[in-house]
Amino acid sequence: MPHLANAAASGDCEVFYWRERNREVDFVARAGRTVTAIDVKSGRRREAFAGMDAFAASFKGARRLLVGGDGIALEQFLAKPVEHWVTGG
């Protein structure tokens, strides 16, 4: 997602990909000590969130953010700087 890549390139955050066995999270953004898992979904299937649940179990205290599906609308996510979403601003 270019929005996250641009934030990482400007030094606002670091962006990673996370996978453990067959569970994955689309993006992990770190700003300072704050870690946020970001999953982008187009549907609403509950089993599609297994990666987010596994990430939360592995990284206690990490923030979770769902973009699309039943989460934040993509347009709303793109309208605000990444820092807003990563740090909870």
Protein backbone atom coordinates (compact mmCIF):
# COMPACT_ATOMS: atom_id res chain seq x y z
CA MET A 1 0.00 0.00 0.00
CA PRO A 2 1.71 3.22 -1.14
CA HIS A 3 0.24 5.18 1.78
CA LEU A 4 2.28 3.07 4.23
CA ALA A 5 5.35 2.96 2.00
CA ASN A 6 5.40 6.77 1.76
CA ALA A 7 5.13 7.09 5.54
CA ALA A 8 8.03 4.67 5.97
CA ALA A 9 10.13 6.48 3.35
CA SER A 10 9.61 9.80 5.14
CA GLY A 11 10.62 8.28 8.50
CA ASP A 12 7.18 8.44 10.14
CA CYS A 13 7.23 4.71 10.81
CA GLU A 14 8.79 1.40 9.82
CA VAL A 15 6.68 -1.08 7.87
CA PHE A 16 7.04 -4.86 7.98
CA TYR A 17 5.21 -8.01 6.91
CA TRP A 18 4.46 -10.71 9.51
CA ARG A 19 3.85 -14.41 8.98
CA GLU A 20 3.89 -17.36 11.35
CA ARG A 21 3.11 -20.76 9.85
CA ASN A 22 -0.02 -20.20 7.76
CA ARG A 23 -1.09 -17.03 9.64
CA GLU A 24 -0.16 -13.59 8.34
CA VAL A 25 -0.81 -9.89 8.76
CA ASP A 26 -0.66 -7.65 5.71
CA PHE A 27 1.36 -4.88 7.37
CA VAL A 28 3.01 -4.19 10.70
CA ALA A 29 3.85 -0.55 11.33
CA ARG A 30 6.14 0.54 14.14
CA ALA A 31 6.44 4.14 15.28
CA GLY A 32 8.68 4.45 18.30
CA ARG A 33 7.54 1.81 20.78
CA THR A 34 4.07 1.50 19.28
CA VAL A 35 3.42 -1.52 17.09
CA THR A 36 0.26 -1.75 14.98
CA ALA A 37 -0.88 -4.71 12.91
CA ILE A 38 -2.82 -3.59 9.83
CA ASP A 39 -4.94 -6.01 7.84
CA VAL A 40 -6.67 -4.95 4.64
CA LYS A 41 -9.81 -6.92 3.78
CA SER A 42 -12.37 -6.70 1.02
CA GLY A 43 -14.84 -9.18 2.55
CA ARG A 44 -16.36 -9.91 5.92
CA ARG A 45 -15.47 -13.57 6.49
CA ARG A 46 -14.51 -14.12 10.16
CA GLU A 47 -11.93 -16.83 9.39
CA ALA A 48 -10.03 -14.25 7.37
CA PHE A 49 -8.88 -12.66 10.67
CA ALA A 50 -6.89 -15.64 11.98
CA GLY A 51 -3.61 -13.87 11.25
CA MET A 52 -4.60 -10.81 13.25
CA ASP A 53 -5.60 -13.01 16.20
CA ALA A 54 -2.30 -14.92 16.05
CA PHE A 55 -0.32 -11.67 15.87
CA ALA A 56 -2.15 -10.29 18.93
CA ALA A 57 -1.39 -13.48 20.85
CA SER A 58 2.31 -13.25 19.95
CA PHE A 59 2.71 -9.51 20.54
CA LYS A 60 0.77 -8.53 23.64
CA GLY A 61 -0.14 -4.86 23.72
CA ALA A 62 0.14 -4.39 19.95
CA ARG A 63 -2.60 -2.33 18.35
CA ARG A 64 -4.76 -3.91 15.66
CA LEU A 65 -6.33 -2.09 12.75
CA LEU A 66 -8.68 -3.51 10.15
CA VAL A 67 -9.02 -1.56 6.91
CA GLY A 68 -11.98 -2.49 4.71
CA GLY A 69 -14.56 -5.20 5.44
CA ASP A 70 -16.13 -4.40 8.80
CA GLY A 71 -13.27 -2.07 9.73
CA ILE A 72 -12.24 1.43 8.75
CA ALA A 73 -13.25 2.41 5.23
CA LEU A 74 -10.27 2.55 2.87
CA GLU A 75 -11.09 6.15 1.94
CA GLN A 76 -11.06 7.14 5.60
CA PHE A 77 -7.72 5.37 6.17
CA LEU A 78 -6.13 7.13 3.21
CA ALA A 79 -7.53 10.54 4.23
CA LYS A 80 -5.42 10.68 7.42
CA PRO A 81 -1.67 10.41 7.86
CA VAL A 82 -0.39 6.95 8.78
CA GLU A 83 0.90 8.32 12.07
CA HIS A 84 -2.71 8.98 13.11
CA TRP A 85 -3.54 5.28 12.75
CA VAL A 86 -0.27 3.84 14.04
CA THR A 87 -0.04 5.91 17.21
CA GLY A 88 -3.76 6.18 17.86
CA GLY A 89 -3.64 9.94 17.38
